[in-house]
Amino acid sequence: MDDVTTDTSPRVTLIGRGDCHLCDEARTVIERVTTELGVSWEERSVDDDVRLRQRYADQIPVTLVDGRQHDFWRVDEARLRVALAPGSSRG
């Protein structure tokens, strides 16, 4: 996964896997924050993508903001809000 986004790319990407309680917690935080801020997000699985598994398997869940790694293992809600605030860099 390259550190490149377009204006139509989701601002937040959650990289996780099935049957992962930390991924479930991260998803809850990301859904809440992105819904409140009107920001798009997507979820990708290391189980479905060899490149993601090689790069992130030991860190899941991983949160990317604008294509760059933002958090891993846990999502800090306050830190995510700051990263997504109006005027924050978009790549």
C-alpha atoms as a PDB file:
ATOM      1  CA  MET A   1       0.000   0.000   0.000  1.00  0.00           C
ATOM      2  CA  ASP A   2       1.518   3.282  -1.106  1.00  0.00           C
ATOM      3  CA  ASP A   3       1.369   6.467   0.928  1.00  0.00           C
ATOM      4  CA  VAL A   4      -0.695   8.142  -1.788  1.00  0.00           C
ATOM      5  CA  THR A   5      -4.312   9.257  -1.746  1.00  0.00           C
ATOM      6  CA  THR A   6      -6.680  11.085  -4.045  1.00  0.00           C
ATOM      7  CA  ASP A   7      -9.498  13.431  -3.165  1.00  0.00           C
ATOM      8  CA  THR A   8     -11.920  10.505  -3.537  1.00  0.00           C
ATOM      9  CA  SER A   9      -9.911   8.122  -1.362  1.00  0.00           C
ATOM     10  CA  PRO A  10     -11.293   7.378   2.082  1.00  0.00           C
ATOM     11  CA  ARG A  11      -9.390   9.477   4.626  1.00  0.00           C
ATOM     12  CA  VAL A  12      -9.213   6.606   7.120  1.00  0.00           C
ATOM     13  CA  THR A  13      -8.295   2.998   6.455  1.00  0.00           C
ATOM     14  CA  LEU A  14      -8.538   0.300   9.103  1.00  0.00           C
ATOM     15  CA  ILE A  15      -6.306  -2.688   8.422  1.00  0.00           C
ATOM     16  CA  GLY A  16      -7.309  -5.678  10.500  1.00  0.00           C
ATOM     17  CA  ARG A  17      -8.489  -9.253  10.317  1.00  0.00           C
ATOM     18  CA  GLY A  18     -11.438 -11.367  11.303  1.00  0.00           C
ATOM     19  CA  ASP A  19     -11.821 -12.591  14.885  1.00  0.00           C
ATOM     20  CA  CYS A  20      -9.734  -9.748  16.329  1.00  0.00           C
ATOM     21  CA  HIS A  21     -11.103  -8.017  19.439  1.00  0.00           C
ATOM     22  CA  LEU A  22      -8.704  -5.071  19.049  1.00  0.00           C
ATOM     23  CA  CYS A  23      -9.954  -4.655  15.471  1.00  0.00           C
ATOM     24  CA  ASP A  24     -13.531  -4.594  16.774  1.00  0.00           C
ATOM     25  CA  GLU A  25     -12.591  -1.858  19.274  1.00  0.00           C
ATOM     26  CA  ALA A  26     -10.746   0.132  16.592  1.00  0.00           C
ATOM     27  CA  ARG A  27     -13.715  -0.156  14.220  1.00  0.00           C
ATOM     28  CA  THR A  28     -16.066   1.226  16.870  1.00  0.00           C
ATOM     29  CA  VAL A  29     -13.867   4.282  17.462  1.00  0.00           C
ATOM     30  CA  ILE A  30     -13.293   4.898  13.752  1.00  0.00           C
ATOM     31  CA  GLU A  31     -16.997   4.562  12.926  1.00  0.00           C
ATOM     32  CA  ARG A  32     -17.938   7.007  15.682  1.00  0.00           C
ATOM     33  CA  VAL A  33     -15.334   9.637  14.768  1.00  0.00           C
ATOM     34  CA  THR A  34     -15.754   9.464  10.990  1.00  0.00           C
ATOM     35  CA  THR A  35     -19.543   9.564  11.245  1.00  0.00           C
ATOM     36  CA  GLU A  36     -19.443  12.602  13.510  1.00  0.00           C
ATOM     37  CA  LEU A  37     -16.944  14.393  11.253  1.00  0.00           C
ATOM     38  CA  GLY A  38     -18.479  13.329   7.942  1.00  0.00           C
ATOM     39  CA  VAL A  39     -15.267  11.602   6.846  1.00  0.00           C
ATOM     40  CA  SER A  40     -15.107   8.481   4.694  1.00  0.00           C
ATOM     41  CA  TRP A  41     -13.329   5.320   5.781  1.00  0.00           C
ATOM     42  CA  GLU A  42     -12.685   1.797   4.577  1.00  0.00           C
ATOM     43  CA  GLU A  43     -11.604  -1.488   6.085  1.00  0.00           C
ATOM     44  CA  ARG A  44      -9.088  -3.906   4.612  1.00  0.00           C
ATOM     45  CA  SER A  45      -8.026  -7.314   5.881  1.00  0.00           C
ATOM     46  CA  VAL A  46      -4.530  -8.763   6.116  1.00  0.00           C
ATOM     47  CA  ASP A  47      -6.246 -12.110   5.538  1.00  0.00           C
ATOM     48  CA  ASP A  48      -7.202 -10.992   2.001  1.00  0.00           C
ATOM     49  CA  ASP A  49      -4.005  -9.216   0.935  1.00  0.00           C
ATOM     50  CA  VAL A  50      -0.524 -10.742   1.089  1.00  0.00           C
ATOM     51  CA  ARG A  51       1.181  -7.334   0.866  1.00  0.00           C
ATOM     52  CA  LEU A  52      -0.804  -5.975   3.796  1.00  0.00           C
ATOM     53  CA  ARG A  53      -0.120  -9.130   5.805  1.00  0.00           C
ATOM     54  CA  GLN A  54       3.639  -8.867   5.173  1.00  0.00           C
ATOM     55  CA  ARG A  55       3.700  -5.195   6.119  1.00  0.00           C
ATOM     56  CA  TYR A  56       1.261  -4.992   9.034  1.00  0.00           C
ATOM     57  CA  ALA A  57       0.482  -8.457  10.458  1.00  0.00           C
ATOM     58  CA  ASP A  58       2.330  -7.836  13.743  1.00  0.00           C
ATOM     59  CA  GLN A  59       0.670  -4.456  14.289  1.00  0.00           C
ATOM     60  CA  ILE A  60      -3.018  -4.998  13.572  1.00  0.00           C
ATOM     61  CA  PRO A  61      -5.239  -3.234  13.848  1.00  0.00           C
ATOM     62  CA  VAL A  62      -3.473  -0.471  11.951  1.00  0.00           C
ATOM     63  CA  THR A  63      -5.090   2.870  11.221  1.00  0.00           C
ATOM     64  CA  LEU A  64      -4.028   4.920   8.212  1.00  0.00           C
ATOM     65  CA  VAL A  65      -5.028   8.561   7.806  1.00  0.00           C
ATOM     66  CA  ASP A  66      -4.674   9.955   4.310  1.00  0.00           C
ATOM     67  CA  GLY A  67      -2.634   6.902   3.347  1.00  0.00           C
ATOM     68  CA  ARG A  68      -0.077   7.225   6.140  1.00  0.00           C
ATOM     69  CA  GLN A  69       0.185   5.039   9.216  1.00  0.00           C
ATOM     70  CA  HIS A  70      -1.429   6.819  12.140  1.00  0.00           C
ATOM     71  CA  ASP A  71      -1.904   4.238  14.933  1.00  0.00           C
ATOM     72  CA  PHE A  72      -1.533   0.545  15.564  1.00  0.00           C
ATOM     73  CA  TRP A  73      -2.942  -1.871  18.151  1.00  0.00           C
ATOM     74  CA  ARG A  74      -5.273   0.798  19.580  1.00  0.00           C
ATOM     75  CA  VAL A  75      -6.959   3.861  18.111  1.00  0.00           C
ATOM     76  CA  ASP A  76      -6.573   6.987  20.206  1.00  0.00           C
ATOM     77  CA  GLU A  77      -9.873   8.770  19.600  1.00  0.00           C
ATOM     78  CA  ALA A  78      -8.622  12.260  20.489  1.00  0.00           C
ATOM     79  CA  ARG A  79      -5.540  11.866  18.286  1.00  0.00           C
ATOM     80  CA  LEU A  80      -7.689  10.637  15.386  1.00  0.00           C
ATOM     81  CA  ARG A  81      -9.998  13.645  15.745  1.00  0.00           C
ATOM     82  CA  VAL A  82      -7.019  16.013  15.592  1.00  0.00           C
ATOM     83  CA  ALA A  83      -5.663  14.281  12.481  1.00  0.00           C
ATOM     84  CA  LEU A  84      -9.051  14.612  10.762  1.00  0.00           C
ATOM     85  CA  ALA A  85      -9.780  18.184  11.845  1.00  0.00           C
ATOM     86  CA  PRO A  86     -10.456  20.747   9.138  1.00  0.00           C
ATOM     87  CA  GLY A  87      -7.201  22.131   7.877  1.00  0.00           C
ATOM     88  CA  SER A  88      -5.229  18.987   8.673  1.00  0.00           C
ATOM     89  CA  SER A  89      -2.878  17.846   5.913  1.00  0.00           C
ATOM     90  CA  ARG A  90      -4.358  15.556   3.275  1.00  0.00           C
ATOM     91  CA  GLY A  91      -1.314  13.633   2.307  1.00  0.00           C
END
